[in-house]
Amino acid sequence: MSARLTDLQPWLYPWAATLVRAAQSYGCSLSSVYRSPGEQLELYANRRFSRYPVAPPGHSMHGYRRAFDLAGPPRVLAWLGRVWESWGGRWGGRDGTDPIHFEA
């Protein structure tokens, strides 16, 4: 799986880059950006081993280059999620199920 912000939609890149720079200063790291249909299928087939939800192929914003995941301390991810939402994005931790997931 790719973990390059440049794989995001060009209009989304500046927003994500700003958030990720802040995240890195608090010990977070980028863990996933674009996922090919095959990569998403593999994740979906093995979803029972994941602690986070996995969308079926064609239903993940990662496949549309509109999502990224960050690994980091829960408190920091919650703060980043609030920032992301204040910019109009959607944070997967809002309902507590996917705190590493950020999408637009």
Protein backbone atom coordinates (compact mmCIF):
# COMPACT_ATOMS: atom_id res chain seq x y z
CA MET A 1 0.00 0.00 0.00
CA SER A 2 1.07 3.49 -0.76
CA ALA A 3 1.74 6.05 1.93
CA ARG A 4 2.47 9.11 -0.20
CA LEU A 5 0.31 12.19 0.14
CA THR A 6 1.04 13.01 -3.49
CA ASP A 7 -1.29 10.11 -4.34
CA LEU A 8 -4.24 12.16 -3.08
CA GLN A 9 -6.46 14.27 -5.32
CA PRO A 10 -4.50 17.47 -6.09
CA TRP A 11 -7.13 19.71 -4.45
CA LEU A 12 -6.92 17.68 -1.24
CA TYR A 13 -3.14 17.49 -1.01
CA PRO A 14 -2.45 20.93 0.58
CA TRP A 15 -4.98 20.35 3.35
CA ALA A 16 -3.72 16.85 4.11
CA ALA A 17 -0.07 17.96 3.97
CA THR A 18 -0.73 20.67 6.54
CA LEU A 19 -2.46 18.21 8.88
CA VAL A 20 0.20 15.52 8.44
CA ARG A 21 3.03 17.98 9.16
CA ALA A 22 1.33 18.86 12.43
CA ALA A 23 0.70 15.17 13.15
CA GLN A 24 4.34 14.26 12.62
CA SER A 25 5.45 16.84 15.17
CA TYR A 26 3.34 14.90 17.72
CA GLY A 27 4.74 11.48 16.83
CA CYS A 28 2.14 10.39 14.27
CA SER A 29 2.99 8.79 10.95
CA LEU A 30 1.20 8.38 7.65
CA SER A 31 0.19 4.75 7.24
CA SER A 32 -2.02 4.57 4.13
CA VAL A 33 -3.20 6.79 1.28
CA TYR A 34 -4.22 5.34 -2.10
CA ARG A 35 -5.27 1.70 -2.28
CA SER A 36 -5.69 -0.10 -5.57
CA PRO A 37 -8.80 -2.27 -5.98
CA GLY A 38 -6.62 -5.35 -5.44
CA GLU A 39 -5.13 -3.95 -2.23
CA GLN A 40 -8.58 -3.02 -0.94
CA LEU A 41 -9.87 -6.50 -1.80
CA GLU A 42 -7.02 -8.09 0.14
CA LEU A 43 -7.69 -5.88 3.17
CA TYR A 44 -11.41 -6.60 2.95
CA ALA A 45 -10.84 -10.36 2.69
CA ASN A 46 -8.74 -10.20 5.86
CA ARG A 47 -10.88 -7.65 7.73
CA ARG A 48 -11.48 -9.99 10.65
CA PHE A 49 -7.82 -9.47 11.58
CA SER A 50 -8.08 -5.66 11.53
CA ARG A 51 -8.95 -3.58 14.55
CA TYR A 52 -10.41 -0.94 12.21
CA PRO A 53 -13.32 -1.20 9.76
CA VAL A 54 -12.50 -2.10 6.16
CA ALA A 55 -14.82 -1.10 3.32
CA PRO A 56 -15.40 -3.44 0.39
CA PRO A 57 -13.63 -2.59 -2.87
CA GLY A 58 -15.26 0.36 -4.60
CA HIS A 59 -16.59 1.76 -1.31
CA SER A 60 -13.41 3.12 0.23
CA MET A 61 -12.38 6.73 -0.27
CA HIS A 62 -8.79 5.47 -0.37
CA GLY A 63 -9.54 4.06 -3.82
CA TYR A 64 -10.76 7.49 -4.97
CA ARG A 65 -7.62 9.19 -3.61
CA ARG A 66 -9.70 11.09 -1.05
CA ALA A 67 -8.54 9.45 2.21
CA PHE A 68 -5.48 8.85 4.32
CA ASP A 69 -4.74 7.08 7.58
CA LEU A 70 -2.49 8.27 10.40
CA ALA A 71 -1.00 6.13 13.16
CA GLY A 72 -0.53 7.90 16.45
CA PRO A 73 -1.59 8.39 20.05
CA PRO A 74 -5.39 8.44 20.47
CA ARG A 75 -5.41 11.87 22.13
CA VAL A 76 -3.46 13.38 19.23
CA LEU A 77 -5.67 11.69 16.62
CA ALA A 78 -8.75 13.10 18.36
CA TRP A 79 -7.29 16.61 18.24
CA LEU A 80 -6.31 16.18 14.57
CA GLY A 81 -9.81 14.85 13.85
CA ARG A 82 -11.39 17.98 15.30
CA VAL A 83 -9.07 20.16 13.21
CA TRP A 84 -9.83 18.13 10.07
CA GLU A 85 -13.57 18.40 10.62
CA SER A 86 -13.29 22.15 11.21
CA TRP A 87 -11.81 22.35 7.69
CA GLY A 88 -14.80 20.44 6.26
CA GLY A 89 -13.31 16.95 6.22
CA ARG A 90 -14.66 13.76 7.72
CA TRP A 91 -12.84 11.99 10.56
CA GLY A 92 -13.48 8.28 11.11
CA GLY A 93 -13.04 8.61 14.86
CA ARG A 94 -16.16 10.75 15.26
CA ASP A 95 -18.12 7.61 16.18
CA GLY A 96 -15.11 5.89 17.75
CA THR A 97 -14.73 3.19 15.09
CA ASP A 98 -11.90 4.42 12.86
CA PRO A 99 -9.77 7.10 14.57
CA ILE A 100 -6.90 6.73 12.09
CA HIS A 101 -9.07 7.61 9.06
CA PHE A 102 -9.33 11.08 7.49
CA GLU A 103 -11.26 11.76 4.28
CA ALA A 104 -12.80 14.47 2.17
